[in-house]
Amino acid sequence: MAVNLNINYRLAAVAGDDLEVQTRLAELGSRSARMHQEIRRVRDDKLVVDADLTFVLLDVKANRPLAIDGELRTLLEPLVLEG
């Protein structure tokens, strides 16, 4: 479940622009994680948008975030990329 989203619009994109979306896991906490996304215009590699999305894994029955531990943490840790 998304708990926070920050978007920075850097440059206009127009019809016909080829765009590339890059997504990486930027941070892994004990109960939440943050993904960073960039959208770049292909022809000149200009940054169009960057965004940070903080999310939790939700226990729907208890309506509480799940801990990111055990096997799940082991699988996600190698995916965290800095910078």
PDB file of N, CA and C in Angstrom:
ATOM      1  N   MET A   1       0.844  -1.156   0.000  1.00  0.00           N
ATOM      2  CA  MET A   1       0.000   0.000   0.000  1.00  0.00           C
ATOM      3  C   MET A   1       0.903   1.236   0.000  1.00  0.00           C
ATOM      4  N   ALA A   2       0.624   2.167  -0.883  1.00  0.00           N
ATOM      5  CA  ALA A   2       1.386   3.416  -0.932  1.00  0.00           C
ATOM      6  C   ALA A   2       1.014   4.274   0.273  1.00  0.00           C
ATOM      7  N   VAL A   3       2.031   4.811   0.951  1.00  0.00           N
ATOM      8  CA  VAL A   3       1.766   5.677   2.098  1.00  0.00           C
ATOM      9  C   VAL A   3       2.248   7.103   1.863  1.00  0.00           C
ATOM     10  N   ASN A   4       3.124   7.289   0.864  1.00  0.00           N
ATOM     11  CA  ASN A   4       3.595   8.639   0.551  1.00  0.00           C
ATOM     12  C   ASN A   4       4.118   8.634  -0.873  1.00  0.00           C
ATOM     13  N   LEU A   5       3.798   9.693  -1.615  1.00  0.00           N
ATOM     14  CA  LEU A   5       4.277   9.833  -2.984  1.00  0.00           C
ATOM     15  C   LEU A   5       4.684  11.276  -3.208  1.00  0.00           C
ATOM     16  N   ASN A   6       5.938  11.483  -3.596  1.00  0.00           N
ATOM     17  CA  ASN A   6       6.444  12.817  -3.926  1.00  0.00           C
ATOM     18  C   ASN A   6       6.892  12.798  -5.373  1.00  0.00           C
ATOM     19  N   ILE A   7       6.325  13.706  -6.172  1.00  0.00           N
ATOM     20  CA  ILE A   7       6.631  13.770  -7.603  1.00  0.00           C
ATOM     21  C   ILE A   7       7.178  15.149  -7.928  1.00  0.00           C
ATOM     22  N   ASN A   8       8.269  15.172  -8.664  1.00  0.00           N
ATOM     23  CA  ASN A   8       8.856  16.424  -9.135  1.00  0.00           C
ATOM     24  C   ASN A   8       8.779  16.442 -10.657  1.00  0.00           C
ATOM     25  N   TYR A   9       8.009  17.374 -11.189  1.00  0.00           N
ATOM     26  CA  TYR A   9       7.907  17.546 -12.636  1.00  0.00           C
ATOM     27  C   TYR A   9       9.016  18.487 -13.063  1.00  0.00           C
ATOM     28  N   ARG A  10       9.950  17.995 -13.862  1.00  0.00           N
ATOM     29  CA  ARG A  10      11.156  18.753 -14.210  1.00  0.00           C
ATOM     30  C   ARG A  10      11.096  19.379 -15.596  1.00  0.00           C
ATOM     31  N   LEU A  11      10.406  18.702 -16.527  1.00  0.00           N
ATOM     32  CA  LEU A  11      10.429  19.127 -17.922  1.00  0.00           C
ATOM     33  C   LEU A  11       9.179  18.595 -18.599  1.00  0.00           C
ATOM     34  N   ALA A  12       8.633  19.362 -19.512  1.00  0.00           N
ATOM     35  CA  ALA A  12       7.430  18.913 -20.218  1.00  0.00           C
ATOM     36  C   ALA A  12       7.768  17.813 -21.209  1.00  0.00           C
ATOM     37  N   ALA A  13       6.916  16.841 -21.277  1.00  0.00           N
ATOM     38  CA  ALA A  13       6.959  15.814 -22.322  1.00  0.00           C
ATOM     39  C   ALA A  13       5.758  16.060 -23.224  1.00  0.00           C
ATOM     40  N   VAL A  14       5.947  15.823 -24.512  1.00  0.00           N
ATOM     41  CA  VAL A  14       4.864  16.074 -25.463  1.00  0.00           C
ATOM     42  C   VAL A  14       4.584  14.815 -26.268  1.00  0.00           C
ATOM     43  N   ALA A  15       3.444  14.806 -26.931  1.00  0.00           N
ATOM     44  CA  ALA A  15       3.078  13.672 -27.775  1.00  0.00           C
ATOM     45  C   ALA A  15       4.210  13.402 -28.758  1.00  0.00           C
ATOM     46  N   GLY A  16       4.567  12.143 -28.878  1.00  0.00           N
ATOM     47  CA  GLY A  16       5.636  11.750 -29.787  1.00  0.00           C
ATOM     48  C   GLY A  16       6.975  11.551 -29.093  1.00  0.00           C
ATOM     49  N   ASP A  17       7.137  12.069 -27.876  1.00  0.00           N
ATOM     50  CA  ASP A  17       8.374  11.841 -27.133  1.00  0.00           C
ATOM     51  C   ASP A  17       8.446  10.374 -26.704  1.00  0.00           C
ATOM     52  N   ASP A  18       9.585   9.754 -26.936  1.00  0.00           N
ATOM     53  CA  ASP A  18       9.835   8.428 -26.379  1.00  0.00           C
ATOM     54  C   ASP A  18      10.397   8.630 -24.983  1.00  0.00           C
ATOM     55  N   LEU A  19       9.784   7.968 -24.011  1.00  0.00           N
ATOM     56  CA  LEU A  19      10.180   8.119 -22.621  1.00  0.00           C
ATOM     57  C   LEU A  19      10.634   6.782 -22.063  1.00  0.00           C
ATOM     58  N   GLU A  20      11.589   6.841 -21.160  1.00  0.00           N
ATOM     59  CA  GLU A  20      12.081   5.647 -20.485  1.00  0.00           C
ATOM     60  C   GLU A  20      11.832   5.813 -18.989  1.00  0.00           C
ATOM     61  N   VAL A  21      11.228   4.799 -18.381  1.00  0.00           N
ATOM     62  CA  VAL A  21      10.962   4.805 -16.945  1.00  0.00           C
ATOM     63  C   VAL A  21      11.980   3.898 -16.270  1.00  0.00           C
ATOM     64  N   GLN A  22      12.684   4.453 -15.297  1.00  0.00           N
ATOM     65  CA  GLN A  22      13.650   3.691 -14.519  1.00  0.00           C
ATOM     66  C   GLN A  22      13.145   3.623 -13.080  1.00  0.00           C
ATOM     67  N   THR A  23      13.077   2.414 -12.529  1.00  0.00           N
ATOM     68  CA  THR A  23      12.591   2.214 -11.171  1.00  0.00           C
ATOM     69  C   THR A  23      13.617   1.412 -10.399  1.00  0.00           C
ATOM     70  N   ARG A  24      13.879   1.838  -9.166  1.00  0.00           N
ATOM     71  CA  ARG A  24      14.799   1.083  -8.311  1.00  0.00           C
ATOM     72  C   ARG A  24      14.301   1.119  -6.875  1.00  0.00           C
ATOM     73  N   LEU A  25      14.636   0.106  -6.139  1.00  0.00           N
ATOM     74  CA  LEU A  25      14.362   0.078  -4.709  1.00  0.00           C
ATOM     75  C   LEU A  25      15.473   0.878  -4.057  1.00  0.00           C
ATOM     76  N   ALA A  26      15.122   1.998  -3.429  1.00  0.00           N
ATOM     77  CA  ALA A  26      16.114   2.930  -2.913  1.00  0.00           C
ATOM     78  C   ALA A  26      16.381   2.759  -1.424  1.00  0.00           C
ATOM     79  N   GLU A  27      15.414   2.218  -0.696  1.00  0.00           N
ATOM     80  CA  GLU A  27      15.568   2.107   0.755  1.00  0.00           C
ATOM     81  C   GLU A  27      14.676   0.980   1.254  1.00  0.00           C
ATOM     82  N   LEU A  28      15.178   0.229   2.218  1.00  0.00           N
ATOM     83  CA  LEU A  28      14.427  -0.875   2.789  1.00  0.00           C
ATOM     84  C   LEU A  28      14.477  -0.755   4.303  1.00  0.00           C
ATOM     85  N   GLY A  29      13.329  -0.417   4.889  1.00  0.00           N
ATOM     86  CA  GLY A  29      13.249  -0.295   6.335  1.00  0.00           C
ATOM     87  C   GLY A  29      12.678  -1.551   6.956  1.00  0.00           C
ATOM     88  N   SER A  30      12.348  -1.473   8.236  1.00  0.00           N
ATOM     89  CA  SER A  30      11.811  -2.645   8.921  1.00  0.00           C
ATOM     90  C   SER A  30      10.333  -2.871   8.622  1.00  0.00           C
ATOM     91  N   ARG A  31       9.595  -1.808   8.293  1.00  0.00           N
ATOM     92  CA  ARG A  31       8.167  -1.937   7.978  1.00  0.00           C
ATOM     93  C   ARG A  31       7.753  -1.198   6.710  1.00  0.00           C
ATOM     94  N   SER A  32       8.681  -0.468   6.118  1.00  0.00           N
ATOM     95  CA  SER A  32       8.364   0.253   4.887  1.00  0.00           C
ATOM     96  C   SER A  32       9.577   0.223   3.965  1.00  0.00           C
ATOM     97  N   ALA A  33       9.336   0.581   2.720  1.00  0.00           N
ATOM     98  CA  ALA A  33      10.406   0.656   1.729  1.00  0.00           C
ATOM     99  C   ALA A  33      10.115   1.843   0.819  1.00  0.00           C
ATOM    100  N   ARG A  34      11.164   2.304   0.123  1.00  0.00           N
ATOM    101  CA  ARG A  34      11.009   3.443  -0.779  1.00  0.00           C
ATOM    102  C   ARG A  34      11.548   3.070  -2.146  1.00  0.00           C
ATOM    103  N   MET A  35      10.741   3.352  -3.156  1.00  0.00           N
ATOM    104  CA  MET A  35      11.158   3.191  -4.544  1.00  0.00           C
ATOM    105  C   MET A  35      11.408   4.573  -5.135  1.00  0.00           C
ATOM    106  N   HIS A  36      12.438   4.684  -5.947  1.00  0.00           N
ATOM    107  CA  HIS A  36      12.722   5.929  -6.651  1.00  0.00           C
ATOM    108  C   HIS A  36      12.497   5.672  -8.135  1.00  0.00           C
ATOM    109  N   GLN A  37      11.815   6.595  -8.780  1.00  0.00           N
ATOM    110  CA  GLN A  37      11.551   6.464 -10.217  1.00  0.00           C
ATOM    111  C   GLN A  37      11.991   7.727 -10.935  1.00  0.00           C
ATOM    112  N   GLU A  38      12.504   7.512 -12.132  1.00  0.00           N
ATOM    113  CA  GLU A  38      12.842   8.620 -13.019  1.00  0.00           C
ATOM    114  C   GLU A  38      12.245   8.332 -14.381  1.00  0.00           C
ATOM    115  N   ILE A  39      11.738   9.371 -15.004  1.00  0.00           N
ATOM    116  CA  ILE A  39      11.280   9.288 -16.389  1.00  0.00           C
ATOM    117  C   ILE A  39      12.162  10.225 -17.186  1.00  0.00           C
ATOM    118  N   ARG A  40      12.816   9.671 -18.207  1.00  0.00           N
ATOM    119  CA  ARG A  40      13.738  10.447 -19.026  1.00  0.00           C
ATOM    120  C   ARG A  40      13.293  10.422 -20.478  1.00  0.00           C
ATOM    121  N   ARG A  41      13.534  11.532 -21.159  1.00  0.00           N
ATOM    122  CA  ARG A  41      13.267  11.610 -22.598  1.00  0.00           C
ATOM    123  C   ARG A  41      14.423  10.916 -23.308  1.00  0.00           C
ATOM    124  N   VAL A  42      14.128   9.964 -24.166  1.00  0.00           N
ATOM    125  CA  VAL A  42      15.141   9.108 -24.775  1.00  0.00           C
ATOM    126  C   VAL A  42      16.095   9.896 -25.672  1.00  0.00           C
ATOM    127  N   ARG A  43      15.587  10.813 -26.478  1.00  0.00           N
ATOM    128  CA  ARG A  43      16.440  11.455 -27.491  1.00  0.00           C
ATOM    129  C   ARG A  43      17.588  12.268 -26.911  1.00  0.00           C
ATOM    130  N   ASP A  44      17.414  12.824 -25.683  1.00  0.00           N
ATOM    131  CA  ASP A  44      18.480  13.633 -25.107  1.00  0.00           C
ATOM    132  C   ASP A  44      18.790  13.282 -23.642  1.00  0.00           C
ATOM    133  N   ASP A  45      18.158  12.225 -23.143  1.00  0.00           N
ATOM    134  CA  ASP A  45      18.366  11.745 -21.776  1.00  0.00           C
ATOM    135  C   ASP A  45      18.017  12.801 -20.715  1.00  0.00           C
ATOM    136  N   LYS A  46      17.166  13.748 -21.065  1.00  0.00           N
ATOM    137  CA  LYS A  46      16.746  14.785 -20.100  1.00  0.00           C
ATOM    138  C   LYS A  46      15.746  14.195 -19.110  1.00  0.00           C
ATOM    139  N   LEU A  47      15.897  14.598 -17.852  1.00  0.00           N
ATOM    140  CA  LEU A  47      14.994  14.164 -16.792  1.00  0.00           C
ATOM    141  C   LEU A  47      13.668  14.908 -16.914  1.00  0.00           C
ATOM    142  N   VAL A  48      12.581  14.164 -17.062  1.00  0.00           N
ATOM    143  CA  VAL A  48      11.245  14.743 -17.179  1.00  0.00           C
ATOM    144  C   VAL A  48      10.559  14.754 -15.810  1.00  0.00           C
ATOM    145  N   VAL A  49      10.640  13.625 -15.099  1.00  0.00           N
ATOM    146  CA  VAL A  49       9.991  13.475 -13.801  1.00  0.00           C
ATOM    147  C   VAL A  49      10.872  12.603 -12.918  1.00  0.00           C
ATOM    148  N   ASP A  50      10.917  12.946 -11.618  1.00  0.00           N
ATOM    149  CA  ASP A  50      11.454  11.992 -10.651  1.00  0.00           C
ATOM    150  C   ASP A  50      10.460  11.903  -9.499  1.00  0.00           C
ATOM    151  N   ALA A  51      10.398  10.725  -8.898  1.00  0.00           N
ATOM    152  CA  ALA A  51       9.401  10.490  -7.855  1.00  0.00           C
ATOM    153  C   ALA A  51       9.943   9.501  -6.832  1.00  0.00           C
ATOM    154  N   ASP A  52       9.484   9.668  -5.597  1.00  0.00           N
ATOM    155  CA  ASP A  52       9.770   8.721  -4.528  1.00  0.00           C
ATOM    156  C   ASP A  52       8.450   8.213  -3.978  1.00  0.00           C
ATOM    157  N   LEU A  53       8.326   6.903  -3.915  1.00  0.00           N
ATOM    158  CA  LEU A  53       7.119   6.254  -3.416  1.00  0.00           C
ATOM    159  C   LEU A  53       7.487   5.409  -2.207  1.00  0.00           C
ATOM    160  N   THR A  54       6.914   5.755  -1.064  1.00  0.00           N
ATOM    161  CA  THR A  54       7.087   4.948   0.144  1.00  0.00           C
ATOM    162  C   THR A  54       5.881   4.040   0.261  1.00  0.00           C
ATOM    163  N   PHE A  55       6.145   2.761   0.544  1.00  0.00           N
ATOM    164  CA  PHE A  55       5.056   1.792   0.620  1.00  0.00           C
ATOM    165  C   PHE A  55       5.263   0.835   1.781  1.00  0.00           C
ATOM    166  N   VAL A  56       4.178   0.213   2.191  1.00  0.00           N
ATOM    167  CA  VAL A  56       4.203  -0.849   3.193  1.00  0.00           C
ATOM    168  C   VAL A  56       3.483  -2.057   2.624  1.00  0.00           C
ATOM    169  N   LEU A  57       3.777  -3.208   3.181  1.00  0.00           N
ATOM    170  CA  LEU A  57       3.026  -4.422   2.892  1.00  0.00           C
ATOM    171  C   LEU A  57       1.979  -4.520   3.986  1.00  0.00           C
ATOM    172  N   LEU A  58       0.725  -4.575   3.601  1.00  0.00           N
ATOM    173  CA  LEU A  58      -0.373  -4.446   4.546  1.00  0.00           C
ATOM    174  C   LEU A  58      -0.986  -5.794   4.899  1.00  0.00           C
ATOM    175  N   ASP A  59      -1.127  -6.043   6.205  1.00  0.00           N
ATOM    176  CA  ASP A  59      -1.935  -7.152   6.701  1.00  0.00           C
ATOM    177  C   ASP A  59      -3.370  -6.647   6.680  1.00  0.00           C
ATOM    178  N   VAL A  60      -4.139  -7.061   5.694  1.00  0.00           N
ATOM    179  CA  VAL A  60      -5.475  -6.507   5.469  1.00  0.00           C
ATOM    180  C   VAL A  60      -6.404  -6.803   6.653  1.00  0.00           C
ATOM    181  N   LYS A  61      -6.319  -7.995   7.203  1.00  0.00           N
ATOM    182  CA  LYS A  61      -7.200  -8.347   8.321  1.00  0.00           C
ATOM    183  C   LYS A  61      -6.925  -7.491   9.546  1.00  0.00           C
ATOM    184  N   ALA A  62      -5.659  -7.273   9.862  1.00  0.00           N
ATOM    185  CA  ALA A  62      -5.296  -6.479  11.042  1.00  0.00           C
ATOM    186  C   ALA A  62      -5.192  -4.985  10.726  1.00  0.00           C
ATOM    187  N   ASN A  63      -5.198  -4.637   9.432  1.00  0.00           N
ATOM    188  CA  ASN A  63      -5.031  -3.248   8.985  1.00  0.00           C
ATOM    189  C   ASN A  63      -3.753  -2.633   9.560  1.00  0.00           C
ATOM    190  N   ARG A  64      -2.668  -3.414   9.492  1.00  0.00           N
ATOM    191  CA  ARG A  64      -1.369  -2.964   9.993  1.00  0.00           C
ATOM    192  C   ARG A  64      -0.286  -3.362   9.000  1.00  0.00           C
ATOM    193  N   PRO A  65       0.788  -2.571   8.954  1.00  0.00           N
ATOM    194  CA  PRO A  65       1.891  -2.944   8.068  1.00  0.00           C
ATOM    195  C   PRO A  65       2.598  -4.198   8.583  1.00  0.00           C
ATOM    196  N   LEU A  66       3.031  -5.029   7.653  1.00  0.00           N
ATOM    197  CA  LEU A  66       3.798  -6.218   7.990  1.00  0.00           C
ATOM    198  C   LEU A  66       5.272  -5.863   8.130  1.00  0.00           C
ATOM    199  N   ALA A  67       5.955  -6.585   8.969  1.00  0.00           N
ATOM    200  CA  ALA A  67       7.404  -6.421   9.075  1.00  0.00           C
ATOM    201  C   ALA A  67       8.053  -6.948   7.801  1.00  0.00           C
ATOM    202  N   ILE A  68       9.086  -6.255   7.357  1.00  0.00           N
ATOM    203  CA  ILE A  68       9.858  -6.715   6.202  1.00  0.00           C
ATOM    204  C   ILE A  68      11.060  -7.451   6.777  1.00  0.00           C
ATOM    205  N   ASP A  69      10.882  -8.746   6.972  1.00  0.00           N
ATOM    206  CA  ASP A  69      11.940  -9.545   7.582  1.00  0.00           C
ATOM    207  C   ASP A  69      11.949 -10.947   6.992  1.00  0.00           C
ATOM    208  N   GLY A  70      12.816 -11.768   7.504  1.00  0.00           N
ATOM    209  CA  GLY A  70      12.885 -13.154   7.072  1.00  0.00           C
ATOM    210  C   GLY A  70      13.227 -13.303   5.599  1.00  0.00           C
ATOM    211  N   GLU A  71      12.566 -14.275   4.969  1.00  0.00           N
ATOM    212  CA  GLU A  71      12.835 -14.592   3.565  1.00  0.00           C
ATOM    213  C   GLU A  71      12.559 -13.404   2.645  1.00  0.00           C
ATOM    214  N   LEU A  72      11.489 -12.638   2.953  1.00  0.00           N
ATOM    215  CA  LEU A  72      11.163 -11.471   2.130  1.00  0.00           C
ATOM    216  C   LEU A  72      12.310 -10.468   2.154  1.00  0.00           C
ATOM    217  N   ARG A  73      12.846 -10.170   3.331  1.00  0.00           N
ATOM    218  CA  ARG A  73      13.953  -9.226   3.438  1.00  0.00           C
ATOM    219  C   ARG A  73      15.180  -9.754   2.687  1.00  0.00           C
ATOM    220  N   THR A  74      15.446 -11.050   2.826  1.00  0.00           N
ATOM    221  CA  THR A  74      16.577 -11.665   2.140  1.00  0.00           C
ATOM    222  C   THR A  74      16.460 -11.495   0.630  1.00  0.00           C
ATOM    223  N   LEU A  75      15.246 -11.608   0.110  1.00  0.00           N
ATOM    224  CA  LEU A  75      15.022 -11.444  -1.327  1.00  0.00           C
ATOM    225  C   LEU A  75      15.131  -9.989  -1.774  1.00  0.00           C
ATOM    226  N   LEU A  76      14.680  -9.051  -0.933  1.00  0.00           N
ATOM    227  CA  LEU A  76      14.659  -7.637  -1.321  1.00  0.00           C
ATOM    228  C   LEU A  76      15.991  -6.913  -1.126  1.00  0.00           C
ATOM    229  N   GLU A  77      16.772  -7.285  -0.137  1.00  0.00           N
ATOM    230  CA  GLU A  77      18.012  -6.553   0.158  1.00  0.00           C
ATOM    231  C   GLU A  77      18.941  -6.395  -1.042  1.00  0.00           C
ATOM    232  N   PRO A  78      19.155  -7.432  -1.856  1.00  0.00           N
ATOM    233  CA  PRO A  78      20.056  -7.250  -3.005  1.00  0.00           C
ATOM    234  C   PRO A  78      19.507  -6.283  -4.061  1.00  0.00           C
ATOM    235  N   LEU A  79      18.232  -5.965  -3.993  1.00  0.00           N
ATOM    236  CA  LEU A  79      17.610  -5.078  -4.982  1.00  0.00           C
ATOM    237  C   LEU A  79      17.774  -3.600  -4.637  1.00  0.00           C
ATOM    238  N   VAL A  80      18.224  -3.294  -3.422  1.00  0.00           N
ATOM    239  CA  VAL A  80      18.393  -1.895  -3.005  1.00  0.00           C
ATOM    240  C   VAL A  80      19.608  -1.326  -3.727  1.00  0.00           C
ATOM    241  N   LEU A  81      19.377  -0.260  -4.511  1.00  0.00           N
ATOM    242  CA  LEU A  81      20.439   0.396  -5.267  1.00  0.00           C
ATOM    243  C   LEU A  81      20.567   1.832  -4.803  1.00  0.00           C
ATOM    244  N   GLU A  82      21.753   2.247  -4.486  1.00  0.00           N
ATOM    245  CA  GLU A  82      21.994   3.614  -4.042  1.00  0.00           C
ATOM    246  C   GLU A  82      22.160   4.539  -5.240  1.00  0.00           C
ATOM    247  N   GLY A  83      21.956   5.836  -4.956  1.00  0.00           N
ATOM    248  CA  GLY A  83      22.229   6.870  -5.943  1.00  0.00           C
ATOM    249  C   GLY A  83      21.256   6.938  -6.993  1.00  0.00           C
TER     250      GLY A  83
END
